[in-house]
Protein backbone atom coordinates (compact mmCIF):
# COMPACT_ATOMS: atom_id res chain seq x y z
CA UNK A 1 187.05 -61.97 -38.42
CA UNK A 2 187.65 -60.29 -35.07
CA UNK A 3 191.03 -62.02 -34.93
CA UNK A 4 191.92 -60.59 -38.37
CA UNK A 5 190.93 -57.11 -37.25
CA UNK A 6 193.18 -57.40 -34.21
CA UNK A 7 196.07 -58.66 -36.36
CA UNK A 8 195.58 -55.77 -38.77
CA UNK A 9 195.82 -53.28 -35.92
CA UNK A 10 199.04 -54.98 -34.81
CA UNK A 11 200.34 -54.64 -38.38
CA UNK A 12 199.55 -50.89 -38.39
CA UNK A 13 201.22 -50.36 -35.03
CA UNK A 14 204.27 -52.61 -35.22
CA UNK A 15 204.99 -52.81 -38.97
CA UNK A 16 203.41 -50.06 -41.00
CA UNK A 17 204.05 -47.09 -38.71
CA UNK A 18 207.78 -47.79 -38.13
CA UNK A 19 208.24 -48.27 -41.92
CA UNK A 20 205.79 -45.60 -43.03
CA UNK A 21 208.31 -43.87 -45.30
CA UNK A 22 209.20 -47.14 -47.02
CA UNK A 23 205.55 -47.92 -47.65
CA UNK A 24 204.97 -44.43 -49.01
CA UNK A 25 207.68 -44.96 -51.64
CA UNK A 26 205.85 -48.08 -52.85
CA UNK A 27 202.53 -46.38 -53.63
CA UNK A 28 203.37 -45.62 -57.27
CA UNK A 29 205.48 -48.59 -58.35
CA UNK A 30 207.17 -51.83 -57.34
CA UNK A 31 210.76 -52.76 -58.08
CA UNK A 32 211.26 -56.29 -56.78
CA UNK A 33 214.65 -57.91 -57.31
CA UNK A 34 213.38 -61.50 -57.10
CA UNK A 35 210.65 -63.68 -58.51
CA UNK A 36 209.95 -66.34 -55.89
CA UNK A 37 208.06 -69.37 -57.21
CA UNK A 38 206.91 -71.63 -54.44
CA UNK A 39 204.13 -73.89 -53.22
CA UNK A 40 200.79 -72.56 -52.01
CA UNK A 41 201.54 -74.23 -48.65
CA UNK A 42 200.82 -71.85 -45.75
CA UNK A 43 204.03 -72.85 -43.95
CA UNK A 44 206.29 -71.38 -46.66
CA UNK A 45 206.57 -67.62 -46.22
CA UNK A 46 209.11 -66.09 -48.65
CA UNK A 47 209.30 -62.70 -46.93
CA UNK A 48 210.22 -64.34 -43.65
CA UNK A 49 212.66 -66.77 -45.23
CA UNK A 50 214.49 -63.90 -46.88
CA UNK A 51 213.83 -61.31 -44.18
CA UNK A 52 212.47 -59.12 -47.00
CA UNK A 53 210.59 -55.87 -46.93
CA UNK A 54 207.47 -55.12 -48.98
CA UNK A 55 208.37 -54.44 -52.62
CA UNK A 56 211.38 -56.82 -52.72
CA UNK A 57 209.76 -60.13 -53.64
CA UNK A 58 207.35 -60.85 -56.50
CA UNK A 59 205.61 -64.16 -55.69
CA UNK A 60 204.08 -66.90 -57.79
CA UNK A 61 202.44 -69.74 -55.91
CA UNK A 62 200.78 -72.96 -56.95
CA UNK A 63 200.36 -76.47 -55.57
CA UNK A 64 203.73 -78.18 -55.84
CA UNK A 65 205.71 -75.10 -57.07
CA UNK A 66 205.37 -76.35 -60.66
CA UNK A 67 206.68 -74.55 -63.73
CA UNK A 68 204.95 -76.24 -66.67
CA UNK A 69 207.03 -77.46 -69.59
CA UNK A 70 206.89 -75.23 -72.66
CA UNK A 71 205.12 -77.99 -74.61
CA UNK A 72 202.29 -77.85 -72.08
CA UNK A 73 202.21 -74.05 -72.06
CA UNK A 74 201.76 -74.07 -75.84
CA UNK A 75 198.56 -76.05 -75.23
CA UNK A 76 197.27 -73.48 -72.75
CA UNK A 77 198.50 -75.26 -69.62
CA UNK A 78 199.78 -73.22 -66.69
CA UNK A 79 199.16 -69.81 -68.28
CA UNK A 80 198.94 -68.06 -64.92
CA UNK A 81 202.39 -69.29 -63.97
CA UNK A 82 203.87 -68.38 -67.33
CA UNK A 83 202.24 -64.94 -67.26
CA UNK A 84 203.80 -64.20 -63.86
CA UNK A 85 207.23 -65.28 -65.11
CA UNK A 86 207.02 -63.18 -68.26
CA UNK A 87 205.80 -60.15 -66.29
CA UNK A 88 208.54 -60.50 -63.68
CA UNK A 89 211.30 -60.84 -66.29
CA UNK A 90 210.16 -58.41 -68.98
CA UNK A 91 208.23 -55.78 -67.06
CA UNK A 92 209.74 -55.85 -63.55
CA UNK A 93 213.20 -56.93 -64.77
CA UNK A 94 213.95 -59.06 -61.73
CA UNK A 95 217.54 -60.13 -61.23
CA UNK A 96 216.80 -63.52 -59.67
CA UNK A 97 214.25 -66.30 -60.03
CA UNK A 98 214.03 -68.78 -57.17
CA UNK A 99 211.89 -71.90 -57.35
CA UNK A 100 211.51 -73.22 -53.82
CA UNK A 101 210.11 -76.58 -52.79
CA UNK A 102 209.65 -77.75 -49.24
CA UNK A 103 209.40 -80.76 -46.94
CA UNK A 104 206.07 -82.46 -46.26
CA UNK A 105 204.65 -81.17 -49.55
CA UNK A 106 201.03 -82.19 -50.00
CA UNK A 107 201.34 -81.99 -53.78
CA UNK A 108 204.30 -84.35 -53.88
CA UNK A 109 202.65 -86.68 -51.36
CA UNK A 110 199.57 -87.01 -53.57
CA UNK A 111 201.71 -87.57 -56.66
CA UNK A 112 203.57 -90.37 -54.87
CA UNK A 113 200.66 -91.99 -53.02
CA UNK A 114 197.35 -90.45 -54.21
CA UNK A 115 194.65 -90.19 -51.55
CA UNK A 116 190.99 -90.98 -52.07
CA UNK A 117 190.24 -87.29 -51.71
CA UNK A 118 192.22 -86.56 -54.88
CA UNK A 119 189.42 -88.11 -56.95
CA UNK A 120 187.06 -85.45 -55.58
CA UNK A 121 189.39 -82.68 -56.78
CA UNK A 122 189.65 -83.06 -60.57
CA UNK A 123 191.49 -79.79 -61.10
CA UNK A 124 194.13 -80.70 -58.51
CA UNK A 125 194.42 -84.19 -59.96
CA UNK A 126 194.95 -82.78 -63.46
CA UNK A 127 197.54 -80.29 -62.18
CA UNK A 128 199.51 -82.92 -60.24
CA UNK A 129 199.60 -85.17 -63.30
CA UNK A 130 202.68 -83.16 -64.24
CA UNK A 131 204.51 -84.77 -61.33
CA UNK A 132 203.60 -88.35 -62.20
CA UNK A 133 206.71 -89.06 -64.34
CA UNK A 134 208.85 -87.84 -61.45
CA UNK A 135 206.91 -89.98 -59.02
CA UNK A 136 207.44 -93.08 -61.16
CA UNK A 137 211.15 -92.30 -61.38
CA UNK A 138 211.48 -92.00 -57.60
CA UNK A 139 209.57 -95.24 -56.98
CA UNK A 140 211.84 -97.10 -59.40
CA UNK A 141 215.11 -95.65 -58.14
CA UNK A 142 214.27 -95.74 -54.43
CA UNK A 143 211.98 -98.73 -54.12
CA UNK A 144 213.80 -99.94 -51.00
CA UNK A 145 213.58 -96.57 -49.24
CA UNK A 146 210.96 -95.60 -46.67
CA UNK A 147 207.99 -93.58 -47.82
CA UNK A 148 209.41 -90.54 -46.01
CA UNK A 149 212.70 -90.83 -47.93
CA UNK A 150 210.81 -91.24 -51.19
CA UNK A 151 208.77 -88.13 -50.47
CA UNK A 152 211.89 -86.08 -49.79
CA UNK A 153 213.51 -87.43 -52.96
CA UNK A 154 210.47 -86.43 -55.00
CA UNK A 155 210.32 -82.98 -53.44
CA UNK A 156 213.96 -82.34 -54.38
CA UNK A 157 213.66 -83.92 -57.82
CA UNK A 158 210.66 -81.68 -58.39
CA UNK A 159 212.68 -78.56 -57.57
CA UNK A 160 215.47 -79.71 -59.89
CA UNK A 161 212.97 -80.37 -62.69
CA UNK A 162 211.25 -76.99 -62.34
CA UNK A 163 214.68 -75.34 -62.28
CA UNK A 164 215.44 -76.80 -65.70
CA UNK A 165 211.97 -75.94 -66.97
CA UNK A 166 212.73 -72.31 -66.11
CA UNK A 167 216.00 -72.40 -68.08
CA UNK A 168 214.06 -73.51 -71.16
CA UNK A 169 211.59 -70.60 -71.13
CA UNK A 170 212.61 -68.21 -73.97
CA UNK A 171 212.31 -64.97 -72.00
CA UNK A 172 214.27 -66.46 -69.12
CA UNK A 173 216.97 -67.93 -71.36
CA UNK A 174 217.32 -64.59 -73.15
CA UNK A 175 217.79 -62.63 -69.94
CA UNK A 176 220.28 -65.18 -68.62
CA UNK A 177 222.23 -64.94 -71.87
CA UNK A 178 222.32 -61.17 -71.52
CA UNK A 179 223.73 -61.47 -68.02
CA UNK A 180 220.60 -59.88 -66.53
CA UNK A 181 219.15 -62.83 -64.66
CA UNK A 182 220.08 -65.92 -62.67
CA UNK A 183 217.87 -68.89 -61.72
CA UNK A 184 218.07 -70.87 -58.48
CA UNK A 185 216.41 -73.97 -57.01
CA UNK A 186 215.91 -74.12 -53.25
CA UNK A 187 214.55 -76.69 -50.79
CA UNK A 188 213.14 -75.59 -47.43
CA UNK A 189 212.78 -77.94 -44.48
CA UNK A 190 209.76 -76.75 -42.56
CA UNK A 191 210.52 -78.51 -39.27
CA UNK A 192 214.05 -77.17 -38.73
CA UNK A 193 214.30 -74.08 -40.93
CA UNK A 194 217.17 -75.45 -43.04
CA UNK A 195 217.49 -74.16 -46.57
CA UNK A 196 219.54 -75.79 -49.32
CA UNK A 197 220.20 -74.82 -52.93
CA UNK A 198 220.54 -77.01 -56.01
CA UNK A 199 224.09 -76.99 -57.36
CA UNK A 200 224.09 -77.79 -61.08
CA UNK A 201 227.76 -78.82 -61.13
CA UNK A 202 227.41 -81.14 -58.15
CA UNK A 203 223.88 -82.21 -59.10
CA UNK A 204 223.04 -82.01 -55.43
CA UNK A 205 221.40 -79.75 -52.85
CA UNK A 206 223.95 -77.90 -50.74
CA UNK A 207 223.27 -76.00 -47.51
CA UNK A 208 223.01 -72.25 -47.90
């Protein structure tokens, strides 16, 4: 805890004080322009990726950056994720939704090659079951690839899938139709900082 206290003091000195006026304007309301849906992984930091200030990014995190299909939501699955999306679109009126996956994703790894530890985490196992159809697809289509290549393929297929799940959410589709919102799928490579975006026309991830 002493380390946290020291870091907090550094925050006050080097971040809060120089931006004191900006923080003061945030005390009564937030007006983020972007909903950023990403993995709970500690190596993915949206504010740093986007060089964003407090109040700009509304975040939703879960293991594997999953947006449940509407059929699952109707059964009470992924309500926290759906609630964040509805709130961001209807209440905060964000202009952009970004779903961002990343390299070396533990969720995708366990969907592709489940570890023994997964059996001791029933909630995680149940959550990652959503990725199993994608895992099977990757194994069939890339059976001759290395495990590393398969993992990357699953991570990107996952982003693409969640991108389309977003487009099928009624509140999202309505806002897109009104020209008030756009949806994007990103893939972040932790080791080299590269960021690519899913291009629907090309059906590929292109460097930003």
